[in-house]
Amino acid sequence: MIPLESKWDLVKVGTVVDGVENLTDPPQNASGCRKDYLDLKLDNTATMGDYDSTISACALTETKGIYSRSHNDLTISISGTTQVSDIMNLTNKELKLKNKATGVISVYSR
């Protein structure tokens, strides 16, 4: 089994419309900065990293929480918000998640 634990950089986001995936570069990735990320640790802690240049160039904000995996479901709880996603694809280089509530797809690479 391919390990889920890793630091994953956000590389694409999108949705499925009429059965067709439409993925684009993530607007939340600030221009000229490192990519936003999801860091999943062996102890089931999760850290979301958000680079933002609103106040100062490429300022990093990290929020921490926990995650759990059950088969193809990934549940992440950070800052009082719980998000459940389908793991659409997991390889040594890619993690593709689809939010069960919103249908938004997030593609991460390591």
Protein backbone atom coordinates (compact mmCIF):
# COMPACT_ATOMS: atom_id res chain seq x y z
CA MET A 1 0.00 0.00 0.00
CA ILE A 2 1.27 3.46 -0.88
CA PRO A 3 1.73 5.63 2.22
CA LEU A 4 -0.51 8.66 2.63
CA GLU A 5 1.89 10.33 5.04
CA SER A 6 3.87 13.05 3.29
CA LYS A 7 4.04 16.75 2.58
CA TRP A 8 1.78 17.30 -0.43
CA ASP A 9 1.93 20.49 -2.55
CA LEU A 10 -1.35 21.75 -4.03
CA VAL A 11 -0.93 21.70 -7.83
CA LYS A 12 -4.46 21.64 -9.34
CA VAL A 13 -8.06 22.28 -8.29
CA GLY A 14 -11.33 21.82 -10.10
CA THR A 15 -14.68 20.13 -10.41
CA VAL A 16 -16.47 17.56 -12.53
CA VAL A 17 -19.05 19.02 -14.94
CA ASP A 18 -21.20 16.62 -16.97
CA GLY A 19 -18.76 13.81 -16.21
CA VAL A 20 -15.72 15.79 -17.38
CA GLU A 21 -12.96 16.83 -14.97
CA ASN A 22 -11.98 20.48 -15.29
CA LEU A 23 -8.71 21.15 -13.43
CA THR A 24 -6.86 24.47 -13.28
CA ASP A 25 -3.94 26.02 -11.44
CA PRO A 26 -5.04 26.78 -7.86
CA PRO A 27 -6.01 30.45 -7.45
CA GLN A 28 -5.17 30.12 -3.73
CA ASN A 29 -1.47 29.61 -4.56
CA ALA A 30 0.01 33.11 -4.25
CA SER A 31 2.01 34.18 -7.31
CA GLY A 32 5.78 33.90 -6.83
CA CYS A 33 5.44 31.90 -3.60
CA ARG A 34 5.81 28.23 -2.80
CA LYS A 35 2.66 26.16 -3.27
CA ASP A 36 0.12 25.79 -0.46
CA TYR A 37 0.41 22.34 1.09
CA LEU A 38 -1.09 19.58 3.17
CA ASP A 39 1.34 17.79 5.50
CA LEU A 40 0.09 14.43 6.81
CA LYS A 41 2.21 12.84 9.56
CA LEU A 42 2.44 9.24 10.83
CA ASP A 43 0.91 10.28 14.19
CA ASN A 44 -2.31 11.36 12.35
CA THR A 45 -1.62 15.07 12.72
CA ALA A 46 -2.28 17.29 9.73
CA THR A 47 -0.89 20.73 8.90
CA MET A 48 -2.25 22.98 6.16
CA GLY A 49 0.19 25.56 4.88
CA ASP A 50 -1.08 28.71 3.19
CA TYR A 51 1.27 31.19 1.54
CA ASP A 52 -0.26 34.65 1.18
CA SER A 53 1.19 37.97 0.01
CA THR A 54 -1.68 40.19 1.22
CA ILE A 55 0.24 41.62 4.18
CA SER A 56 3.84 40.60 3.49
CA ALA A 57 5.39 38.69 0.61
CA CYS A 58 4.85 34.93 0.79
CA ALA A 59 3.88 34.93 4.48
CA LEU A 60 3.18 31.37 5.64
CA THR A 61 0.20 30.57 7.85
CA GLU A 62 0.04 27.03 9.21
CA THR A 63 -3.08 25.53 10.77
CA LYS A 64 -2.85 22.22 12.56
CA GLY A 65 -5.35 19.46 13.20
CA ILE A 66 -5.85 15.73 12.81
CA TYR A 67 -6.75 13.32 10.04
CA SER A 68 -7.95 9.76 9.66
CA ARG A 69 -8.28 7.39 6.74
CA SER A 70 -10.91 4.73 6.28
CA HIS A 71 -10.52 2.85 2.99
CA ASN A 72 -10.90 5.57 0.33
CA ASP A 73 -12.16 8.27 2.70
CA LEU A 74 -9.86 10.91 4.15
CA THR A 75 -11.26 12.95 7.04
CA ILE A 76 -9.34 16.09 8.04
CA SER A 77 -10.32 18.18 11.07
CA ILE A 78 -8.58 21.56 11.36
CA SER A 79 -9.68 24.64 13.31
CA GLY A 80 -13.07 23.16 14.17
CA THR A 81 -13.88 22.32 10.55
CA THR A 82 -14.12 18.71 9.39
CA GLN A 83 -13.79 17.85 5.72
CA VAL A 84 -14.40 14.38 4.30
CA SER A 85 -12.94 13.59 0.89
CA ASP A 86 -12.85 10.62 -1.45
CA ILE A 87 -9.30 9.56 -2.29
CA MET A 88 -9.65 9.45 -6.08
CA ASN A 89 -6.01 8.63 -6.73
CA LEU A 90 -2.98 7.88 -4.56
CA THR A 91 0.41 7.15 -6.13
CA ASN A 92 3.98 7.77 -5.04
CA LYS A 93 3.74 11.22 -6.65
CA GLU A 94 0.05 12.23 -6.58
CA LEU A 95 -2.81 12.53 -4.12
CA LYS A 96 -6.16 13.44 -5.68
CA LEU A 97 -9.05 14.25 -3.33
CA LYS A 98 -12.71 15.05 -4.01
CA ASN A 99 -14.56 16.88 -1.25
CA LYS A 100 -17.75 14.90 -0.50
CA ALA A 101 -19.71 18.02 0.47
CA THR A 102 -18.69 20.43 -2.31
CA GLY A 103 -17.43 18.15 -5.10
CA VAL A 104 -14.26 20.24 -5.40
CA ILE A 105 -11.23 18.25 -6.53
CA SER A 106 -7.77 19.01 -5.13
CA VAL A 107 -4.66 17.47 -6.68
CA TYR A 108 -1.46 17.36 -4.64
CA SER A 109 2.04 16.24 -5.59
CA ARG A 110 5.09 15.32 -3.53
